[in-house]
N, C-alpha and C. Protein backbone atom coordinates (compact mmCIF):
# COMPACT_ATOMS: atom_id res chain seq x y z
N MET A 1 0.75 -0.90 -0.23
CA MET A 1 -0.19 0.24 0.22
C MET A 1 1.33 1.06 -0.38
N TYR A 2 1.90 1.11 0.43
CA TYR A 2 3.34 2.28 0.79
C TYR A 2 4.31 1.47 0.71
N PRO A 3 4.50 0.97 0.00
CA PRO A 3 6.26 0.70 -1.01
C PRO A 3 7.11 1.51 0.25
N THR A 4 6.74 2.29 -0.21
CA THR A 4 8.28 3.02 -0.35
C THR A 4 8.61 3.63 0.98
N LEU A 5 7.31 3.60 2.03
CA LEU A 5 7.30 4.74 3.43
C LEU A 5 7.88 3.16 4.25
N ILE A 6 7.13 2.26 4.01
CA ILE A 6 7.13 0.89 4.83
C ILE A 6 7.76 -0.48 4.24
N THR A 7 8.24 -1.60 4.56
CA THR A 7 8.38 -2.80 4.01
C THR A 7 7.28 -3.61 4.13
N GLU A 8 6.56 -4.77 3.07
CA GLU A 8 5.99 -6.05 4.31
C GLU A 8 6.34 -6.24 5.89
N GLU A 9 7.59 -6.00 6.18
CA GLU A 9 7.68 -7.23 7.46
C GLU A 9 7.52 -6.05 8.62
N GLN A 10 7.99 -4.73 8.17
CA GLN A 10 8.08 -3.74 8.85
C GLN A 10 6.54 -3.61 8.74
N ARG A 11 5.15 -3.69 8.51
CA ARG A 11 4.09 -3.75 8.10
C ARG A 11 3.94 -4.96 8.82
N ALA A 12 4.41 -5.51 8.62
CA ALA A 12 3.33 -6.77 9.55
C ALA A 12 3.73 -6.65 11.17
N GLN A 13 5.08 -6.72 11.52
CA GLN A 13 5.76 -5.73 12.54
C GLN A 13 4.23 -4.58 13.89
N LEU A 14 4.31 -3.73 12.46
CA LEU A 14 4.00 -2.68 13.14
C LEU A 14 2.02 -2.60 14.05
N LEU A 15 2.03 -3.85 12.77
CA LEU A 15 0.03 -4.46 12.61
C LEU A 15 -0.14 -5.80 14.17
N ALA A 16 1.29 -5.96 14.26
CA ALA A 16 1.45 -6.50 15.78
C ALA A 16 1.21 -6.07 17.17
N ASN A 17 2.69 -5.01 16.84
CA ASN A 17 2.81 -4.21 18.38
C ASN A 17 0.49 -3.02 18.16
N GLY A 18 0.39 -3.36 16.51
CA GLY A 18 -1.06 -2.41 17.18
C GLY A 18 -1.69 -2.96 17.70
N HIS A 19 -1.44 -5.23 17.37
CA HIS A 19 -3.32 -5.69 18.17
C HIS A 19 -3.06 -5.70 19.01
N ALA A 20 -1.51 -5.83 19.71
CA ALA A 20 -1.18 -5.34 21.29
C ALA A 20 -1.56 -4.10 21.78
N TYR A 21 -1.38 -3.51 21.62
CA TYR A 21 -2.32 -1.61 22.44
C TYR A 21 -3.42 -2.20 22.52
N ALA A 22 -4.41 -2.43 21.19
CA ALA A 22 -5.95 -2.70 20.61
C ALA A 22 -6.33 -3.74 21.33
N THR A 23 -5.71 -4.36 22.22
CA THR A 23 -6.11 -5.42 23.36
C THR A 23 -5.84 -5.15 24.22
N GLY A 24 -4.59 -4.96 24.96
CA GLY A 24 -4.32 -4.08 26.18
C GLY A 24 -3.24 -4.96 25.63
N HIS A 25 -2.60 -5.76 25.82
CA HIS A 25 -1.32 -6.25 25.79
C HIS A 25 -0.27 -5.58 25.66
N ALA A 26 0.14 -4.07 25.97
CA ALA A 26 1.14 -3.43 24.78
C ALA A 26 1.50 -3.24 25.71
N SER A 27 3.43 -3.77 25.80
CA SER A 27 4.33 -2.84 25.86
C SER A 27 5.06 -1.51 26.07
N ASP A 28 5.80 -1.17 25.87
CA ASP A 28 7.17 -0.43 25.38
C ASP A 28 7.95 0.02 23.97
N PRO A 29 7.27 -0.44 22.66
CA PRO A 29 7.26 -1.75 21.55
C PRO A 29 8.83 -0.60 21.52
N LEU A 30 9.49 -0.97 21.02
CA LEU A 30 10.72 -0.66 19.80
C LEU A 30 10.10 0.10 18.61
N PRO A 31 10.62 0.96 18.48
CA PRO A 31 10.38 1.71 16.90
C PRO A 31 10.16 0.68 16.09
N VAL A 32 9.73 0.30 15.48
CA VAL A 32 9.36 -0.34 13.78
C VAL A 32 10.52 0.49 12.73
N VAL A 33 10.14 1.34 12.56
CA VAL A 33 10.42 2.02 11.49
C VAL A 33 10.45 3.61 11.71
N ARG A 34 11.88 4.75 10.43
CA ARG A 34 12.46 5.80 10.64
C ARG A 34 11.90 5.68 9.44
N LEU A 35 10.53 7.67 9.52
CA LEU A 35 11.07 8.64 8.34
C LEU A 35 10.19 9.57 8.13
N LEU A 36 11.45 9.97 7.03
CA LEU A 36 11.99 11.18 7.62
C LEU A 36 12.21 12.42 6.42
N THR A 37 11.66 13.57 6.42
CA THR A 37 11.79 14.38 4.90
C THR A 37 13.81 14.90 5.10
N PRO A 38 13.82 14.39 3.87
CA PRO A 38 14.76 14.32 2.96
C PRO A 38 15.61 15.66 2.68
N ASP A 39 14.89 16.76 2.84
CA ASP A 39 15.36 18.66 2.80
C ASP A 39 14.48 19.61 4.10
N ALA A 40 13.92 18.65 5.33
CA ALA A 40 13.56 19.28 6.11
C ALA A 40 13.38 18.23 6.95
N HIS A 41 13.26 18.70 8.55
CA HIS A 41 14.04 18.67 9.45
C HIS A 41 12.52 17.34 10.37
N ALA A 42 11.65 17.15 9.85
CA ALA A 42 10.53 16.24 10.08
C ALA A 42 10.95 14.36 9.99
N THR A 43 11.01 14.12 11.24
CA THR A 43 11.10 12.77 12.02
C THR A 43 10.06 11.40 12.22
N TRP A 44 9.47 10.93 11.81
CA TRP A 44 8.85 10.12 12.08
C TRP A 44 9.14 9.03 12.68
N LEU A 45 8.91 8.48 14.41
CA LEU A 45 9.61 6.76 15.15
C LEU A 45 8.56 6.53 14.90
N LEU A 46 7.85 4.78 13.80
CA LEU A 46 6.46 4.76 14.02
C LEU A 46 7.13 3.09 14.49
N ALA A 47 6.34 3.18 15.64
CA ALA A 47 5.53 1.57 16.41
C ALA A 47 4.15 1.18 16.83
N ALA A 48 3.67 1.08 15.83
CA ALA A 48 2.20 0.37 15.93
C ALA A 48 1.50 0.99 15.00
N LEU A 49 0.74 0.64 14.73
CA LEU A 49 -0.17 0.47 12.77
C LEU A 49 -1.73 -0.38 13.63
N ASP A 50 -2.27 0.73 13.68
CA ASP A 50 -4.43 0.38 13.91
C ASP A 50 -4.15 -0.58 12.86
N PRO A 51 -4.67 -2.19 13.62
CA PRO A 51 -5.45 -3.01 12.69
C PRO A 51 -7.30 -2.81 12.49
N ALA A 52 -7.42 -2.21 12.88
CA ALA A 52 -8.90 -1.75 12.81
C ALA A 52 -9.10 -0.99 10.81
N ASP A 53 -7.32 -0.39 10.43
CA ASP A 53 -7.80 0.76 9.75
C ASP A 53 -5.99 -0.13 8.89
N GLY A 54 -5.39 0.04 9.69
CA GLY A 54 -4.36 -0.24 8.48
C GLY A 54 -3.75 1.38 8.21
N ASP A 55 -3.52 2.38 8.61
CA ASP A 55 -3.87 3.66 8.10
C ASP A 55 -2.50 4.48 9.22
N THR A 56 -4.12 4.18 10.08
CA THR A 56 -3.60 4.95 11.47
C THR A 56 -1.87 4.68 12.22
N ALA A 57 -1.31 5.34 11.72
CA ALA A 57 0.63 4.40 13.13
C ALA A 57 0.65 5.37 14.27
N TYR A 58 1.40 4.91 15.32
CA TYR A 58 1.53 5.80 16.27
C TYR A 58 2.84 5.18 16.49
N GLY A 59 3.54 6.86 17.22
CA GLY A 59 4.63 6.95 17.32
C GLY A 59 5.17 8.18 17.98
N LEU A 60 6.97 8.66 17.71
CA LEU A 60 6.90 9.94 18.10
C LEU A 60 7.29 10.77 16.99
N CYS A 61 6.74 12.13 16.43
CA CYS A 61 6.87 13.19 15.48
C CYS A 61 7.11 13.55 16.32
N ASP A 62 8.04 14.50 15.15
CA ASP A 62 8.75 15.63 15.10
C ASP A 62 8.71 16.14 13.68
N VAL A 63 7.75 16.82 13.90
CA VAL A 63 7.19 18.28 12.09
C VAL A 63 8.39 18.87 12.15
N GLY A 64 9.25 18.84 12.89
CA GLY A 64 9.68 19.66 12.19
C GLY A 64 10.74 21.49 13.36
N ILE A 65 10.08 21.29 14.50
CA ILE A 65 9.99 23.15 15.15
C ILE A 65 10.58 22.75 16.48
N GLY A 66 10.81 21.18 17.00
CA GLY A 66 11.25 21.25 18.49
C GLY A 66 10.34 21.10 19.09
N MET A 67 8.84 20.46 19.00
CA MET A 67 8.10 20.14 20.14
C MET A 67 8.23 18.86 19.03
N PRO A 68 8.21 17.78 19.81
CA PRO A 68 8.14 15.88 19.29
C PRO A 68 7.61 15.56 20.51
N GLU A 69 6.39 14.92 19.89
CA GLU A 69 5.66 14.51 20.57
C GLU A 69 4.52 13.12 20.04
N LEU A 70 4.30 12.31 20.94
CA LEU A 70 3.42 11.06 20.99
C LEU A 70 2.50 11.62 19.81
N GLY A 71 1.93 10.53 19.19
CA GLY A 71 1.21 10.31 18.75
C GLY A 71 0.70 10.05 17.26
N HIS A 72 -0.86 10.29 16.75
CA HIS A 72 -0.91 9.24 15.62
C HIS A 72 -0.28 10.44 13.74
N VAL A 73 -0.32 9.25 13.02
CA VAL A 73 -0.56 9.56 11.86
C VAL A 73 -0.80 8.97 10.92
N LYS A 74 -1.32 9.39 9.93
CA LYS A 74 -1.71 8.21 8.53
C LYS A 74 -0.88 8.14 7.68
N LEU A 75 -0.16 6.88 7.72
CA LEU A 75 0.46 6.51 6.39
C LEU A 75 0.19 7.64 5.06
N SER A 76 -1.19 7.26 4.55
CA SER A 76 -1.67 8.08 3.28
C SER A 76 -1.36 9.22 3.49
N ASP A 77 -1.21 10.01 4.74
CA ASP A 77 -0.93 11.24 4.73
C ASP A 77 0.51 11.75 5.04
N LEU A 78 0.72 10.80 5.31
CA LEU A 78 2.81 10.81 5.08
C LEU A 78 3.04 10.62 3.16
N ALA A 79 2.58 9.56 2.65
CA ALA A 79 2.57 9.22 1.36
C ALA A 79 2.42 10.59 0.43
N SER A 80 1.99 11.56 1.44
CA SER A 80 1.19 12.17 0.51
C SER A 80 2.15 13.65 0.33
N ILE A 81 3.42 14.05 1.40
CA ILE A 81 3.69 14.84 1.66
C ILE A 81 5.37 14.73 1.41
N VAL A 82 5.13 16.20 0.64
CA VAL A 82 7.22 16.72 0.02
C VAL A 82 7.47 17.53 1.15
N GLY A 83 8.29 17.69 0.76
CA GLY A 83 9.13 19.53 1.78
C GLY A 83 9.27 20.60 0.62
N PRO A 84 10.25 21.23 1.20
CA PRO A 84 10.35 22.27 0.76
C PRO A 84 11.00 22.34 -0.88
N LEU A 85 11.86 21.60 -1.41
CA LEU A 85 12.50 20.87 -2.08
C LEU A 85 11.31 20.54 -3.17
N LYS A 86 10.36 19.43 -2.52
CA LYS A 86 9.48 18.92 -2.92
C LYS A 86 10.49 17.10 -2.94
N LYS A 87 10.81 17.21 -2.30
CA LYS A 87 11.20 15.64 -1.70
C LYS A 87 10.41 14.82 -1.52
N PRO A 88 9.76 13.96 -1.39
CA PRO A 88 9.24 12.99 -0.37
C PRO A 88 9.31 12.59 0.35
N ILE A 89 8.91 12.25 1.24
CA ILE A 89 9.15 11.62 2.42
C ILE A 89 9.93 9.80 2.36
N LEU A 90 11.34 9.70 2.92
CA LEU A 90 12.01 8.66 3.32
C LEU A 90 11.61 7.77 4.64
N ARG A 91 11.99 6.17 3.46
CA ARG A 91 12.73 5.55 4.99
C ARG A 91 14.15 5.25 5.72
N ASP A 92 14.09 5.42 6.62
CA ASP A 92 15.50 5.59 6.75
C ASP A 92 16.49 3.66 6.65
N LEU A 93 16.47 3.60 5.55
CA LEU A 93 17.42 2.22 5.46
C LEU A 93 18.29 1.23 6.39
N TYR A 94 18.58 2.41 6.97
CA TYR A 94 19.88 2.24 7.89
C TYR A 94 19.53 2.94 9.45
N PHE A 95 18.08 3.05 10.23
CA PHE A 95 18.37 3.33 11.58
C PHE A 95 17.51 1.49 12.38
N ARG A 96 18.19 1.61 12.68
CA ARG A 96 18.28 0.18 13.98
C ARG A 96 17.60 0.84 15.36
N PRO A 97 16.69 0.43 15.99
CA PRO A 97 16.04 1.39 17.18
C PRO A 97 17.51 0.38 18.20
N ASN A 98 17.35 1.66 18.81
CA ASN A 98 18.76 1.21 20.10
C ASN A 98 17.96 1.34 21.62
N ARG A 99 16.44 1.31 21.09
CA ARG A 99 15.59 1.94 23.06
C ARG A 99 14.06 2.24 22.92
N SER A 100 13.24 1.71 23.83
CA SER A 100 12.04 2.17 23.29
C SER A 100 11.64 3.05 23.26
N LEU A 101 10.77 3.25 22.69
CA LEU A 101 9.52 4.71 21.95
C LEU A 101 9.70 4.92 23.16
N SER A 102 9.50 5.34 24.45
CA SER A 102 9.39 6.36 25.34
C SER A 102 10.51 5.87 25.49
N ALA A 103 11.67 5.40 26.05
CA ALA A 103 13.02 6.83 25.66
C ALA A 103 13.93 7.45 25.12
N TYR A 104 12.55 7.09 23.53
CA TYR A 104 12.96 8.34 22.90
C TYR A 104 11.89 9.33 22.75
N ALA A 105 10.56 8.60 22.88
CA ALA A 105 10.58 10.47 23.51
C ALA A 105 11.29 11.25 24.92
N GLN A 106 11.49 10.84 25.72
CA GLN A 106 11.81 11.46 26.66
C GLN A 106 13.37 11.62 26.46
N LEU A 107 13.87 11.15 25.95
CA LEU A 107 15.50 12.09 24.49
C LEU A 107 15.31 13.75 23.94
N ALA A 108 13.94 12.87 23.07
CA ALA A 108 13.86 14.29 22.55
C ALA A 108 12.77 15.02 23.30
N GLN A 109 11.98 14.81 24.14
CA GLN A 109 11.73 15.95 25.03
C GLN A 109 12.86 16.67 25.38
N VAL A 110 14.01 16.47 26.02
CA VAL A 110 15.01 17.38 26.55
C VAL A 110 16.26 18.13 25.12
N ASP A 111 15.77 16.55 23.53
CA ASP A 111 16.95 17.38 23.03
C ASP A 111 15.58 18.02 22.41
N GLY A 112 14.55 18.18 22.30
CA GLY A 112 13.62 18.87 20.96
C GLY A 112 13.89 18.27 19.63
N SER A 113 14.40 17.20 19.55
CA SER A 113 14.74 16.88 18.34
C SER A 113 14.66 15.13 19.41
N ILE A 114 14.32 14.10 17.39
CA ILE A 114 14.33 13.42 17.58
C ILE A 114 16.18 12.82 18.14
N PRO A 115 16.82 11.32 18.63
CA PRO A 115 17.83 11.40 18.48
C PRO A 115 18.65 10.47 17.70
N ASP A 116 19.59 10.56 17.27
CA ASP A 116 19.23 9.46 16.27
C ASP A 116 19.95 7.90 15.89
């Protein structure tokens, strides 16, 4: 559906995490995917995907204004976004999470941006 944003494997993991949230069995997962704008400072660390619609993701969102926060975003909306130089959002092919989503959120609140 959004092949440039997430792989099928990432989609499966995001849905599994979303199902855990929906059934009350959620823990504090590692982010599954990091998306970014190559020509702006926006970043999204996504950890779950709503199994009911398969489009609404949950994660740490930073639109580049120094106020990262946990929240929801639609993959369909992200797929339509382009930065100031008309470049689309990209998946970070080298992202390997090394802390839980809440740990990323705590660091982001202190730093004003999502850490690499």
